[in-house]
C-alpha atoms as a PDB file:
ATOM      1  CA  UNK A   1      89.291  91.182  87.596  1.00  0.00           C
ATOM      2  CA  UNK A   2      91.394  88.850  89.739  1.00  0.00           C
ATOM      3  CA  UNK A   3      90.959  88.690  93.512  1.00  0.00           C
ATOM      4  CA  UNK A   4      93.737  87.992  95.981  1.00  0.00           C
ATOM      5  CA  UNK A   5      93.492  85.631  98.914  1.00  0.00           C
ATOM      6  CA  UNK A   6      93.226  87.595 102.134  1.00  0.00           C
ATOM      7  CA  UNK A   7      92.427  87.049 105.810  1.00  0.00           C
ATOM      8  CA  UNK A   8      90.567  90.353 105.866  1.00  0.00           C
ATOM      9  CA  UNK A   9      86.936  90.826 104.990  1.00  0.00           C
ATOM     10  CA  UNK A  10      87.707  93.190 102.127  1.00  0.00           C
ATOM     11  CA  UNK A  11      90.069  91.343  99.799  1.00  0.00           C
ATOM     12  CA  UNK A  12      91.893  93.449  97.240  1.00  0.00           C
ATOM     13  CA  UNK A  13      90.780  92.892  93.637  1.00  0.00           C
ATOM     14  CA  UNK A  14      93.325  93.376  90.882  1.00  0.00           C
ATOM     15  CA  UNK A  15      92.096  95.497  87.960  1.00  0.00           C
ATOM     16  CA  UNK A  16      91.880  93.661  84.667  1.00  0.00           C
ATOM     17  CA  UNK A  17      94.225  94.441  81.784  1.00  0.00           C
ATOM     18  CA  UNK A  18      91.360  96.176  79.985  1.00  0.00           C
ATOM     19  CA  UNK A  19      90.739  98.406  83.005  1.00  0.00           C
ATOM     20  CA  UNK A  20      94.445  99.304  83.252  1.00  0.00           C
ATOM     21  CA  UNK A  21      94.550 100.228  79.561  1.00  0.00           C
ATOM     22  CA  UNK A  22      91.672 102.664  80.082  1.00  0.00           C
ATOM     23  CA  UNK A  23      93.319 104.495  83.010  1.00  0.00           C
ATOM     24  CA  UNK A  24      94.253 108.109  82.341  1.00  0.00           C
ATOM     25  CA  UNK A  25      97.762 107.551  83.719  1.00  0.00           C
ATOM     26  CA  UNK A  26      98.484 104.554  81.502  1.00  0.00           C
ATOM     27  CA  UNK A  27     100.508 106.456  78.842  1.00  0.00           C
ATOM     28  CA  UNK A  28     102.685 107.973  81.603  1.00  0.00           C
ATOM     29  CA  UNK A  29     103.696 104.732  83.297  1.00  0.00           C
ATOM     30  CA  UNK A  30     107.203 104.619  81.774  1.00  0.00           C
ATOM     31  CA  UNK A  31     109.148 107.803  82.441  1.00  0.00           C
ATOM     32  CA  UNK A  32     111.078 109.450  79.620  1.00  0.00           C
ATOM     33  CA  UNK A  33     114.470 109.867  81.292  1.00  0.00           C
ATOM     34  CA  UNK A  34     117.143 110.914  78.816  1.00  0.00           C
ATOM     35  CA  UNK A  35     120.482 109.243  79.546  1.00  0.00           C
ATOM     36  CA  UNK A  36     123.685 111.249  79.537  1.00  0.00           C
ATOM     37  CA  UNK A  37     125.280 108.392  77.600  1.00  0.00           C
ATOM     38  CA  UNK A  38     123.986 105.180  76.091  1.00  0.00           C
ATOM     39  CA  UNK A  39     125.108 102.503  73.708  1.00  0.00           C
ATOM     40  CA  UNK A  40     124.927  98.963  72.411  1.00  0.00           C
ATOM     41  CA  UNK A  41     128.113  97.052  73.280  1.00  0.00           C
ATOM     42  CA  UNK A  42     129.135  93.718  71.704  1.00  0.00           C
ATOM     43  CA  UNK A  43     130.191  91.392  74.533  1.00  0.00           C
ATOM     44  CA  UNK A  44     131.071  87.747  75.139  1.00  0.00           C
ATOM     45  CA  UNK A  45     133.429  87.253  72.198  1.00  0.00           C
ATOM     46  CA  UNK A  46     134.913  83.839  72.930  1.00  0.00           C
ATOM     47  CA  UNK A  47     132.101  83.157  75.416  1.00  0.00           C
ATOM     48  CA  UNK A  48     129.402  82.189  72.918  1.00  0.00           C
ATOM     49  CA  UNK A  49     129.083  85.690  71.447  1.00  0.00           C
ATOM     50  CA  UNK A  50     129.463  88.336  70.410  1.00  0.00           C
ATOM     51  CA  UNK A  51     126.025  89.744  71.114  1.00  0.00           C
ATOM     52  CA  UNK A  52     124.885  93.209  72.125  1.00  0.00           C
ATOM     53  CA  UNK A  53     124.130  94.559  75.593  1.00  0.00           C
ATOM     54  CA  UNK A  54     122.209  97.832  75.789  1.00  0.00           C
ATOM     55  CA  UNK A  55     123.355 100.213  78.523  1.00  0.00           C
ATOM     56  CA  UNK A  56     122.615 103.737  79.740  1.00  0.00           C
ATOM     57  CA  UNK A  57     124.403 106.122  82.099  1.00  0.00           C
ATOM     58  CA  UNK A  58     122.236 108.722  83.816  1.00  0.00           C
ATOM     59  CA  UNK A  59     123.967 111.609  85.568  1.00  0.00           C
ATOM     60  CA  UNK A  60     127.562 112.816  85.292  1.00  0.00           C
ATOM     61  CA  UNK A  61     128.570 112.987  88.956  1.00  0.00           C
ATOM     62  CA  UNK A  62     131.679 111.423  90.512  1.00  0.00           C
ATOM     63  CA  UNK A  63     129.916 108.629  92.449  1.00  0.00           C
ATOM     64  CA  UNK A  64     129.536 105.562  90.213  1.00  0.00           C
ATOM     65  CA  UNK A  65     126.341 103.607  90.993  1.00  0.00           C
ATOM     66  CA  UNK A  66     125.613 100.317  89.160  1.00  0.00           C
ATOM     67  CA  UNK A  67     122.031  98.959  89.312  1.00  0.00           C
ATOM     68  CA  UNK A  68     121.813  95.256  88.447  1.00  0.00           C
ATOM     69  CA  UNK A  69     118.515  93.518  87.718  1.00  0.00           C
ATOM     70  CA  UNK A  70     117.921  89.795  87.687  1.00  0.00           C
ATOM     71  CA  UNK A  71     117.106  87.511  84.800  1.00  0.00           C
ATOM     72  CA  UNK A  72     114.093  88.874  82.938  1.00  0.00           C
ATOM     73  CA  UNK A  73     114.160  92.308  84.609  1.00  0.00           C
ATOM     74  CA  UNK A  74     114.099  95.347  82.311  1.00  0.00           C
ATOM     75  CA  UNK A  75     116.399  98.246  83.173  1.00  0.00           C
ATOM     76  CA  UNK A  76     113.310 100.471  83.330  1.00  0.00           C
ATOM     77  CA  UNK A  77     112.390  98.625  86.540  1.00  0.00           C
ATOM     78  CA  UNK A  78     114.941 100.941  88.177  1.00  0.00           C
ATOM     79  CA  UNK A  79     113.262 104.123  86.922  1.00  0.00           C
ATOM     80  CA  UNK A  80     112.566 105.446  90.441  1.00  0.00           C
ATOM     81  CA  UNK A  81     116.256 105.165  91.341  1.00  0.00           C
ATOM     82  CA  UNK A  82     117.339 106.394  87.905  1.00  0.00           C
ATOM     83  CA  UNK A  83     115.223 109.520  88.395  1.00  0.00           C
ATOM     84  CA  UNK A  84     116.417 110.150  91.962  1.00  0.00           C
ATOM     85  CA  UNK A  85     120.137 109.475  91.610  1.00  0.00           C
ATOM     86  CA  UNK A  86     120.759 110.098  87.893  1.00  0.00           C
ATOM     87  CA  UNK A  87     118.570 113.169  87.346  1.00  0.00           C
ATOM     88  CA  UNK A  88     117.517 114.852  90.593  1.00  0.00           C
ATOM     89  CA  UNK A  89     121.041 114.289  91.934  1.00  0.00           C
ATOM     90  CA  UNK A  90     122.782 113.779  88.601  1.00  0.00           C
ATOM     91  CA  UNK A  91     125.582 116.187  89.511  1.00  0.00           C
ATOM     92  CA  UNK A  92     126.587 113.841  92.329  1.00  0.00           C
ATOM     93  CA  UNK A  93     125.974 110.402  90.791  1.00  0.00           C
ATOM     94  CA  UNK A  94     126.571 108.580  87.529  1.00  0.00           C
ATOM     95  CA  UNK A  95     124.107 105.687  87.365  1.00  0.00           C
ATOM     96  CA  UNK A  96     124.576 102.685  85.074  1.00  0.00           C
ATOM     97  CA  UNK A  97     121.497 100.656  84.121  1.00  0.00           C
ATOM     98  CA  UNK A  98     121.486  97.927  81.473  1.00  0.00           C
ATOM     99  CA  UNK A  99     119.432  95.096  80.034  1.00  0.00           C
ATOM    100  CA  UNK A 100     120.940  91.691  80.711  1.00  0.00           C
ATOM    101  CA  UNK A 101     121.242  89.282  77.821  1.00  0.00           C
ATOM    102  CA  UNK A 102     117.837  87.948  76.871  1.00  0.00           C
ATOM    103  CA  UNK A 103     115.740  90.977  77.845  1.00  0.00           C
ATOM    104  CA  UNK A 104     114.783  94.464  76.712  1.00  0.00           C
ATOM    105  CA  UNK A 105     116.961  96.037  74.025  1.00  0.00           C
ATOM    106  CA  UNK A 106     119.836  93.600  74.516  1.00  0.00           C
ATOM    107  CA  UNK A 107     120.250  90.594  72.237  1.00  0.00           C
ATOM    108  CA  UNK A 108     118.495  87.347  73.096  1.00  0.00           C
ATOM    109  CA  UNK A 109     120.859  84.506  72.183  1.00  0.00           C
ATOM    110  CA  UNK A 110     119.631  80.922  72.318  1.00  0.00           C
ATOM    111  CA  UNK A 111     122.155  79.560  74.804  1.00  0.00           C
ATOM    112  CA  UNK A 112     122.765  78.849  78.451  1.00  0.00           C
ATOM    113  CA  UNK A 113     122.049  81.837  80.708  1.00  0.00           C
ATOM    114  CA  UNK A 114     124.107  81.861  83.904  1.00  0.00           C
ATOM    115  CA  UNK A 115     124.751  84.517  86.529  1.00  0.00           C
ATOM    116  CA  UNK A 116     128.509  84.177  86.064  1.00  0.00           C
ATOM    117  CA  UNK A 117     128.214  84.833  82.319  1.00  0.00           C
ATOM    118  CA  UNK A 118     126.016  87.865  82.973  1.00  0.00           C
ATOM    119  CA  UNK A 119     128.544  89.197  85.486  1.00  0.00           C
ATOM    120  CA  UNK A 120     131.207  88.827  82.798  1.00  0.00           C
ATOM    121  CA  UNK A 121     128.956  90.804  80.412  1.00  0.00           C
ATOM    122  CA  UNK A 122     128.724  93.570  83.012  1.00  0.00           C
ATOM    123  CA  UNK A 123     132.497  93.695  83.449  1.00  0.00           C
ATOM    124  CA  UNK A 124     132.875  94.281  79.710  1.00  0.00           C
ATOM    125  CA  UNK A 125     130.364  97.154  79.873  1.00  0.00           C
ATOM    126  CA  UNK A 126     132.190  98.714  82.830  1.00  0.00           C
ATOM    127  CA  UNK A 127     135.552  98.374  81.080  1.00  0.00           C
ATOM    128  CA  UNK A 128     134.062 100.039  78.005  1.00  0.00           C
ATOM    129  CA  UNK A 129     132.951 102.963  80.182  1.00  0.00           C
ATOM    130  CA  UNK A 130     136.414 103.111  81.806  1.00  0.00           C
ATOM    131  CA  UNK A 131     134.828 102.545  85.209  1.00  0.00           C
ATOM    132  CA  UNK A 132     137.872 100.550  86.216  1.00  0.00           C
ATOM    133  CA  UNK A 133     139.214 102.339  89.300  1.00  0.00           C
ATOM    134  CA  UNK A 134     139.920 100.626  92.589  1.00  0.00           C
ATOM    135  CA  UNK A 135     136.995 100.847  95.052  1.00  0.00           C
ATOM    136  CA  UNK A 136     135.109 103.000  92.538  1.00  0.00           C
ATOM    137  CA  UNK A 137     131.794 101.181  92.103  1.00  0.00           C
ATOM    138  CA  UNK A 138     128.702 101.130  94.264  1.00  0.00           C
ATOM    139  CA  UNK A 139     126.984  97.870  93.325  1.00  0.00           C
ATOM    140  CA  UNK A 140     123.246  97.449  93.969  1.00  0.00           C
ATOM    141  CA  UNK A 141     121.607  94.245  92.750  1.00  0.00           C
ATOM    142  CA  UNK A 142     118.361  92.296  93.024  1.00  0.00           C
ATOM    143  CA  UNK A 143     120.181  89.302  91.604  1.00  0.00           C
ATOM    144  CA  UNK A 144     122.914  86.737  92.165  1.00  0.00           C
ATOM    145  CA  UNK A 145     124.717  88.516  89.311  1.00  0.00           C
ATOM    146  CA  UNK A 146     125.917  91.080  91.857  1.00  0.00           C
ATOM    147  CA  UNK A 147     127.404  88.294  93.978  1.00  0.00           C
ATOM    148  CA  UNK A 148     129.188  86.837  90.952  1.00  0.00           C
ATOM    149  CA  UNK A 149     130.589  90.275  90.093  1.00  0.00           C
ATOM    150  CA  UNK A 150     131.801  90.746  93.678  1.00  0.00           C
ATOM    151  CA  UNK A 151     133.526  87.370  93.581  1.00  0.00           C
ATOM    152  CA  UNK A 152     135.558  88.123  90.455  1.00  0.00           C
ATOM    153  CA  UNK A 153     136.123  91.889  90.935  1.00  0.00           C
ATOM    154  CA  UNK A 154     136.045  92.682  94.679  1.00  0.00           C
ATOM    155  CA  UNK A 155     138.673  95.431  94.539  1.00  0.00           C
ATOM    156  CA  UNK A 156     136.507  97.486  92.191  1.00  0.00           C
ATOM    157  CA  UNK A 157     133.709  97.743  94.766  1.00  0.00           C
ATOM    158  CA  UNK A 158     133.231 100.715  97.103  1.00  0.00           C
ATOM    159  CA  UNK A 159     129.923  99.358  98.472  1.00  0.00           C
ATOM    160  CA  UNK A 160     128.017  96.131  97.802  1.00  0.00           C
ATOM    161  CA  UNK A 161     124.251  96.171  98.330  1.00  0.00           C
ATOM    162  CA  UNK A 162     122.476  92.810  97.870  1.00  0.00           C
ATOM    163  CA  UNK A 163     118.685  93.102  97.774  1.00  0.00           C
ATOM    164  CA  UNK A 164     116.243  90.204  98.188  1.00  0.00           C
ATOM    165  CA  UNK A 165     118.633  87.537  96.941  1.00  0.00           C
ATOM    166  CA  UNK A 166     120.081  84.346  98.380  1.00  0.00           C
ATOM    167  CA  UNK A 167     123.200  82.253  98.823  1.00  0.00           C
ATOM    168  CA  UNK A 168     121.440  79.460  96.908  1.00  0.00           C
ATOM    169  CA  UNK A 169     117.802  78.727  96.171  1.00  0.00           C
ATOM    170  CA  UNK A 170     116.446  76.152  98.603  1.00  0.00           C
ATOM    171  CA  UNK A 171     112.999  74.845  99.452  1.00  0.00           C
ATOM    172  CA  UNK A 172     111.861  76.637 102.621  1.00  0.00           C
ATOM    173  CA  UNK A 173     108.184  75.625 102.346  1.00  0.00           C
ATOM    174  CA  UNK A 174     106.262  72.437 103.033  1.00  0.00           C
ATOM    175  CA  UNK A 175     106.268  69.663 100.436  1.00  0.00           C
ATOM    176  CA  UNK A 176     102.640  70.390  99.494  1.00  0.00           C
ATOM    177  CA  UNK A 177     103.209  74.140  99.192  1.00  0.00           C
ATOM    178  CA  UNK A 178     106.345  73.560  97.133  1.00  0.00           C
ATOM    179  CA  UNK A 179     104.471  71.292  94.708  1.00  0.00           C
ATOM    180  CA  UNK A 180     101.601  73.778  94.397  1.00  0.00           C
ATOM    181  CA  UNK A 181     104.043  76.619  93.733  1.00  0.00           C
ATOM    182  CA  UNK A 182     105.695  74.613  90.956  1.00  0.00           C
ATOM    183  CA  UNK A 183     102.316  73.753  89.430  1.00  0.00           C
ATOM    184  CA  UNK A 184     101.254  77.423  89.517  1.00  0.00           C
ATOM    185  CA  UNK A 185     104.551  78.492  87.943  1.00  0.00           C
ATOM    186  CA  UNK A 186     104.184  76.058  85.036  1.00  0.00           C
ATOM    187  CA  UNK A 187     100.435  76.315  84.537  1.00  0.00           C
ATOM    188  CA  UNK A 188      99.441  78.336  81.435  1.00  0.00           C
ATOM    189  CA  UNK A 189      97.804  81.592  82.522  1.00  0.00           C
ATOM    190  CA  UNK A 190      96.049  84.498  80.872  1.00  0.00           C
ATOM    191  CA  UNK A 191      97.809  87.855  80.885  1.00  0.00           C
ATOM    192  CA  UNK A 192      95.471  88.961  83.683  1.00  0.00           C
ATOM    193  CA  UNK A 193      96.390  86.019  85.863  1.00  0.00           C
ATOM    194  CA  UNK A 194     100.083  86.214  84.959  1.00  0.00           C
ATOM    195  CA  UNK A 195     100.311  89.828  86.084  1.00  0.00           C
ATOM    196  CA  UNK A 196      98.299  89.176  89.260  1.00  0.00           C
ATOM    197  CA  UNK A 197     100.359  86.096  90.118  1.00  0.00           C
ATOM    198  CA  UNK A 198     103.630  87.944  89.602  1.00  0.00           C
ATOM    199  CA  UNK A 199     102.542  90.983  91.581  1.00  0.00           C
ATOM    200  CA  UNK A 200     101.308  88.923  94.529  1.00  0.00           C
ATOM    201  CA  UNK A 201     104.658  87.146  94.686  1.00  0.00           C
ATOM    202  CA  UNK A 202     106.810  90.285  94.475  1.00  0.00           C
ATOM    203  CA  UNK A 203     104.820  92.684  96.668  1.00  0.00           C
ATOM    204  CA  UNK A 204     102.824  92.494  99.907  1.00  0.00           C
ATOM    205  CA  UNK A 205      99.088  92.802  99.348  1.00  0.00           C
ATOM    206  CA  UNK A 206      98.993  95.750 101.743  1.00  0.00           C
ATOM    207  CA  UNK A 207     101.314  97.724  99.471  1.00  0.00           C
ATOM    208  CA  UNK A 208      99.515  96.676  96.289  1.00  0.00           C
ATOM    209  CA  UNK A 209      96.186  97.909  97.623  1.00  0.00           C
ATOM    210  CA  UNK A 210      97.576 101.230  98.943  1.00  0.00           C
ATOM    211  CA  UNK A 211      97.431 104.477  96.895  1.00  0.00           C
ATOM    212  CA  UNK A 212     100.147 105.109  94.315  1.00  0.00           C
ATOM    213  CA  UNK A 213     103.115 106.562  96.223  1.00  0.00           C
ATOM    214  CA  UNK A 214     105.498 107.244  93.331  1.00  0.00           C
ATOM    215  CA  UNK A 215     107.390 110.533  93.350  1.00  0.00           C
ATOM    216  CA  UNK A 216     106.687 111.614  89.782  1.00  0.00           C
ATOM    217  CA  UNK A 217     109.003 113.463  87.369  1.00  0.00           C
ATOM    218  CA  UNK A 218     108.339 117.137  86.750  1.00  0.00           C
ATOM    219  CA  UNK A 219     109.661 119.756  84.294  1.00  0.00           C
ATOM    220  CA  UNK A 220     112.300 121.001  86.767  1.00  0.00           C
ATOM    221  CA  UNK A 221     114.179 117.702  86.617  1.00  0.00           C
ATOM    222  CA  UNK A 222     117.109 117.742  84.179  1.00  0.00           C
ATOM    223  CA  UNK A 223     116.947 115.577  81.061  1.00  0.00           C
ATOM    224  CA  UNK A 224     113.419 114.391  81.732  1.00  0.00           C
ATOM    225  CA  UNK A 225     110.958 114.575  78.827  1.00  0.00           C
ATOM    226  CA  UNK A 226     107.148 114.539  78.878  1.00  0.00           C
ATOM    227  CA  UNK A 227     105.293 111.237  78.665  1.00  0.00           C
ATOM    228  CA  UNK A 228     105.512 109.418  75.367  1.00  0.00           C
ATOM    229  CA  UNK A 229     102.421 109.020  73.164  1.00  0.00           C
ATOM    230  CA  UNK A 230     100.055 106.262  74.170  1.00  0.00           C
ATOM    231  CA  UNK A 231     101.334 102.878  72.935  1.00  0.00           C
ATOM    232  CA  UNK A 232      99.335 100.638  70.648  1.00  0.00           C
ATOM    233  CA  UNK A 233      96.897  98.254  72.348  1.00  0.00           C
ATOM    234  CA  UNK A 234      98.083  94.766  73.226  1.00  0.00           C
ATOM    235  CA  UNK A 235      97.615  92.108  70.531  1.00  0.00           C
ATOM    236  CA  UNK A 236      94.408  90.128  70.830  1.00  0.00           C
ATOM    237  CA  UNK A 237      96.196  86.881  71.755  1.00  0.00           C
ATOM    238  CA  UNK A 238      96.939  87.483  75.435  1.00  0.00           C
ATOM    239  CA  UNK A 239      96.280  84.003  76.786  1.00  0.00           C
ATOM    240  CA  UNK A 240      99.765  82.521  76.597  1.00  0.00           C
ATOM    241  CA  UNK A 241     102.115  82.647  79.560  1.00  0.00           C
ATOM    242  CA  UNK A 242     105.476  84.361  79.000  1.00  0.00           C
ATOM    243  CA  UNK A 243     108.475  82.120  79.415  1.00  0.00           C
ATOM    244  CA  UNK A 244     112.090  82.841  80.229  1.00  0.00           C
ATOM    245  CA  UNK A 245     115.153  80.673  79.608  1.00  0.00           C
ATOM    246  CA  UNK A 246     116.156  78.327  82.371  1.00  0.00           C
ATOM    247  CA  UNK A 247     119.835  78.255  83.314  1.00  0.00           C
ATOM    248  CA  UNK A 248     121.588  74.949  82.708  1.00  0.00           C
ATOM    249  CA  UNK A 249     123.242  73.076  85.549  1.00  0.00           C
ATOM    250  CA  UNK A 250     126.760  71.686  85.442  1.00  0.00           C
ATOM    251  CA  UNK A 251     126.395  68.257  87.025  1.00  0.00           C
ATOM    252  CA  UNK A 252     129.994  67.063  86.726  1.00  0.00           C
ATOM    253  CA  UNK A 253     131.437  65.789  89.979  1.00  0.00           C
ATOM    254  CA  UNK A 254     135.107  65.531  89.010  1.00  0.00           C
ATOM    255  CA  UNK A 255     135.081  61.729  88.852  1.00  0.00           C
ATOM    256  CA  UNK A 256     135.749  60.028  85.499  1.00  0.00           C
ATOM    257  CA  UNK A 257     134.098  58.623  83.489  1.00  0.00           C
ATOM    258  CA  UNK A 258     130.676  60.127  83.193  1.00  0.00           C
ATOM    259  CA  UNK A 259     128.033  57.613  84.164  1.00  0.00           C
ATOM    260  CA  UNK A 260     124.369  57.047  83.491  1.00  0.00           C
ATOM    261  CA  UNK A 261     121.849  57.429  86.248  1.00  0.00           C
ATOM    262  CA  UNK A 262     119.314  54.647  86.671  1.00  0.00           C
ATOM    263  CA  UNK A 263     116.502  56.905  85.439  1.00  0.00           C
ATOM    264  CA  UNK A 264     115.707  60.448  84.345  1.00  0.00           C
ATOM    265  CA  UNK A 265     114.197  61.378  87.685  1.00  0.00           C
ATOM    266  CA  UNK A 266     117.419  60.547  89.503  1.00  0.00           C
ATOM    267  CA  UNK A 267     119.383  62.694  87.070  1.00  0.00           C
ATOM    268  CA  UNK A 268     116.929  65.521  87.485  1.00  0.00           C
ATOM    269  CA  UNK A 269     117.114  65.254  91.281  1.00  0.00           C
ATOM    270  CA  UNK A 270     120.900  65.323  91.142  1.00  0.00           C
ATOM    271  CA  UNK A 271     120.845  68.427  88.960  1.00  0.00           C
ATOM    272  CA  UNK A 272     118.487  70.168  91.406  1.00  0.00           C
ATOM    273  CA  UNK A 273     120.912  69.456  94.239  1.00  0.00           C
ATOM    274  CA  UNK A 274     123.775  70.913  92.193  1.00  0.00           C
ATOM    275  CA  UNK A 275     121.759  74.101  91.667  1.00  0.00           C
ATOM    276  CA  UNK A 276     121.737  74.615  95.422  1.00  0.00           C
ATOM    277  CA  UNK A 277     125.517  74.563  95.406  1.00  0.00           C
ATOM    278  CA  UNK A 278     126.027  77.320  92.838  1.00  0.00           C
ATOM    279  CA  UNK A 279     127.286  79.812  95.439  1.00  0.00           C
ATOM    280  CA  UNK A 280     128.699  77.782  98.361  1.00  0.00           C
ATOM    281  CA  UNK A 281     129.303  79.424 101.708  1.00  0.00           C
ATOM    282  CA  UNK A 282     133.082  79.440 101.227  1.00  0.00           C
ATOM    283  CA  UNK A 283     132.705  81.530  98.059  1.00  0.00           C
ATOM    284  CA  UNK A 284     130.412  83.988  99.839  1.00  0.00           C
ATOM    285  CA  UNK A 285     132.896  84.325 102.680  1.00  0.00           C
ATOM    286  CA  UNK A 286     135.614  84.981 100.108  1.00  0.00           C
ATOM    287  CA  UNK A 287     133.463  87.757  98.605  1.00  0.00           C
ATOM    288  CA  UNK A 288     132.970  89.303 102.039  1.00  0.00           C
ATOM    289  CA  UNK A 289     136.675  89.069 102.888  1.00  0.00           C
ATOM    290  CA  UNK A 290     137.811  90.585  99.593  1.00  0.00           C
ATOM    291  CA  UNK A 291     135.174  93.321  99.280  1.00  0.00           C
ATOM    292  CA  UNK A 292     135.310  94.149 102.994  1.00  0.00           C
ATOM    293  CA  UNK A 293     132.387  93.339 105.287  1.00  0.00           C
ATOM    294  CA  UNK A 294     131.933  96.957 106.358  1.00  0.00           C
ATOM    295  CA  UNK A 295     131.151  97.798 102.703  1.00  0.00           C
ATOM    296  CA  UNK A 296     128.368  95.215 102.365  1.00  0.00           C
ATOM    297  CA  UNK A 297     124.620  95.498 102.959  1.00  0.00           C
ATOM    298  CA  UNK A 298     122.340  92.455 102.740  1.00  0.00           C
ATOM    299  CA  UNK A 299     118.673  93.488 102.756  1.00  0.00           C
ATOM    300  CA  UNK A 300     115.598  91.241 102.737  1.00  0.00           C
ATOM    301  CA  UNK A 301     111.898  91.460 103.629  1.00  0.00           C
ATOM    302  CA  UNK A 302     109.630  89.239 105.694  1.00  0.00           C
ATOM    303  CA  UNK A 303     106.902  89.442 103.011  1.00  0.00           C
ATOM    304  CA  UNK A 304     109.162  88.391 100.109  1.00  0.00           C
ATOM    305  CA  UNK A 305     107.379  85.542  98.305  1.00  0.00           C
ATOM    306  CA  UNK A 306     109.882  85.289  95.447  1.00  0.00           C
ATOM    307  CA  UNK A 307     113.016  84.655  97.539  1.00  0.00           C
ATOM    308  CA  UNK A 308     111.677  83.618 100.950  1.00  0.00           C
ATOM    309  CA  UNK A 309     113.056  85.251 104.131  1.00  0.00           C
ATOM    310  CA  UNK A 310     115.086  82.202 105.294  1.00  0.00           C
ATOM    311  CA  UNK A 311     117.257  82.701 102.204  1.00  0.00           C
ATOM    312  CA  UNK A 312     118.079  86.258 103.274  1.00  0.00           C
ATOM    313  CA  UNK A 313     118.869  85.194 106.828  1.00  0.00           C
ATOM    314  CA  UNK A 314     121.150  82.432 105.581  1.00  0.00           C
ATOM    315  CA  UNK A 315     122.952  84.841 103.230  1.00  0.00           C
ATOM    316  CA  UNK A 316     123.504  87.202 106.169  1.00  0.00           C
ATOM    317  CA  UNK A 317     124.851  84.283 108.185  1.00  0.00           C
ATOM    318  CA  UNK A 318     127.249  83.256 105.422  1.00  0.00           C
ATOM    319  CA  UNK A 319     128.581  86.733 104.615  1.00  0.00           C
ATOM    320  CA  UNK A 320     128.377  88.451 108.037  1.00  0.00           C
ATOM    321  CA  UNK A 321     128.036  91.855 106.318  1.00  0.00           C
ATOM    322  CA  UNK A 322     128.546  95.245 107.930  1.00  0.00           C
ATOM    323  CA  UNK A 323     124.765  95.576 107.900  1.00  0.00           C
ATOM    324  CA  UNK A 324     122.409  92.645 107.437  1.00  0.00           C
ATOM    325  CA  UNK A 325     118.710  93.295 107.976  1.00  0.00           C
ATOM    326  CA  UNK A 326     115.404  91.516 107.323  1.00  0.00           C
ATOM    327  CA  UNK A 327     112.765  94.264 107.264  1.00  0.00           C
ATOM    328  CA  UNK A 328     109.376  93.496 108.772  1.00  0.00           C
ATOM    329  CA  UNK A 329     106.535  93.764 106.242  1.00  0.00           C
ATOM    330  CA  UNK A 330     108.740  94.398 103.197  1.00  0.00           C
ATOM    331  CA  UNK A 331     108.305  92.460  99.950  1.00  0.00           C
ATOM    332  CA  UNK A 332     110.654  91.606  97.091  1.00  0.00           C
ATOM    333  CA  UNK A 333     111.018  95.072  95.532  1.00  0.00           C
ATOM    334  CA  UNK A 334     111.927  97.773  98.065  1.00  0.00           C
ATOM    335  CA  UNK A 335     113.145  99.940  95.182  1.00  0.00           C
ATOM    336  CA  UNK A 336     109.473 100.464  94.278  1.00  0.00           C
ATOM    337  CA  UNK A 337     107.595  99.634  97.478  1.00  0.00           C
ATOM    338  CA  UNK A 338     109.641 101.922  99.771  1.00  0.00           C
ATOM    339  CA  UNK A 339     111.269 104.258  97.285  1.00  0.00           C
ATOM    340  CA  UNK A 340     112.092 107.244  99.495  1.00  0.00           C
ATOM    341  CA  UNK A 341     113.411 105.109 102.358  1.00  0.00           C
ATOM    342  CA  UNK A 342     115.439 102.943  99.981  1.00  0.00           C
ATOM    343  CA  UNK A 343     116.899 105.906  98.095  1.00  0.00           C
ATOM    344  CA  UNK A 344     118.020 107.464 101.378  1.00  0.00           C
ATOM    345  CA  UNK A 345     119.502 104.156 102.482  1.00  0.00           C
ATOM    346  CA  UNK A 346     121.371 103.689  99.190  1.00  0.00           C
ATOM    347  CA  UNK A 347     122.707 107.247  99.380  1.00  0.00           C
ATOM    348  CA  UNK A 348     124.014 106.470 102.891  1.00  0.00           C
ATOM    349  CA  UNK A 349     125.643 103.307 101.605  1.00  0.00           C
ATOM    350  CA  UNK A 350     127.331 105.185  98.765  1.00  0.00           C
ATOM    351  CA  UNK A 351     128.543 107.840 101.213  1.00  0.00           C
ATOM    352  CA  UNK A 352     129.988 105.137 103.478  1.00  0.00           C
ATOM    353  CA  UNK A 353     131.726 103.481 100.517  1.00  0.00           C
ATOM    354  CA  UNK A 354     133.214 106.809  99.475  1.00  0.00           C
ATOM    355  CA  UNK A 355     134.432 107.432 103.040  1.00  0.00           C
ATOM    356  CA  UNK A 356     135.966 103.953 103.320  1.00  0.00           C
ATOM    357  CA  UNK A 357     137.712 104.535  99.984  1.00  0.00           C
ATOM    358  CA  UNK A 358     139.305 107.775 101.222  1.00  0.00           C
ATOM    359  CA  UNK A 359     137.207 110.119  99.087  1.00  0.00           C
END
């Protein structure tokens, strides 16, 4: 078991991996939602590929909803929204979910991973599906990939919903806290500690310790199968920490020739500064102008420990969206933490986008 840090007398204790494996509900954790369409699409020819992106469309309704995860996020992370929009309301919505390059059933090329390249992958998937109409797409993303897509294809967007993301990643903590966070991120951890560390960063402890609030599938829901057979146990070697590819940084400054820095640290520091300039404010304002501010939601939570709240406030300041809100007590994953509220909110956003598009 792994305990959390808490100001209360009764700190929440995370169950161990062994305890989770023994739970009766364990085989039912991933819902068997049958897509209306799915495929493996070769993308990125001429951009380091081709390699395959796995995609699914759930529902066959007229409203096109695109759910975009960040780097390292499986498309099954959206299963609560997939169930609600693509199955319970599948006659109204068509929901696209997909695994980005490097995760899930998509290929995992050994190359630079950038949000702009992933947005280009998504455009190829959408073109393949013939989702190419003007103001047709309702974009919902927990990722800068959604911002990149909006920058290059604003006229395709009926509503843009940016969840728990940022204009650029900056240090909003003290020097000591920043160093400790970096040490914790890089420190090898057991699977128990990795899961606990990740959970405590994504969700508020109050939500983690509360009873399971998922609205579960039932036999009345179209194209929803019973739980799959129990998976095989984890391999015995569970001590290594999972790693994910780090995006490269383009540190050219437009001045020739290239020059050496005096030392590696100076080069590294320069590259870190360039990372903070990936999505400058002018580009975000261009996105807002071209998509239309009334179509844009920027949502963040005060308990987000992955992308801290000052990032959300700054993104709202840059974009000046039709609705920008930092929700008190919300963590990094409202799609899971506040499912019913979020689903209702997203339905309202889709309805507004449809209205603004004359449909």
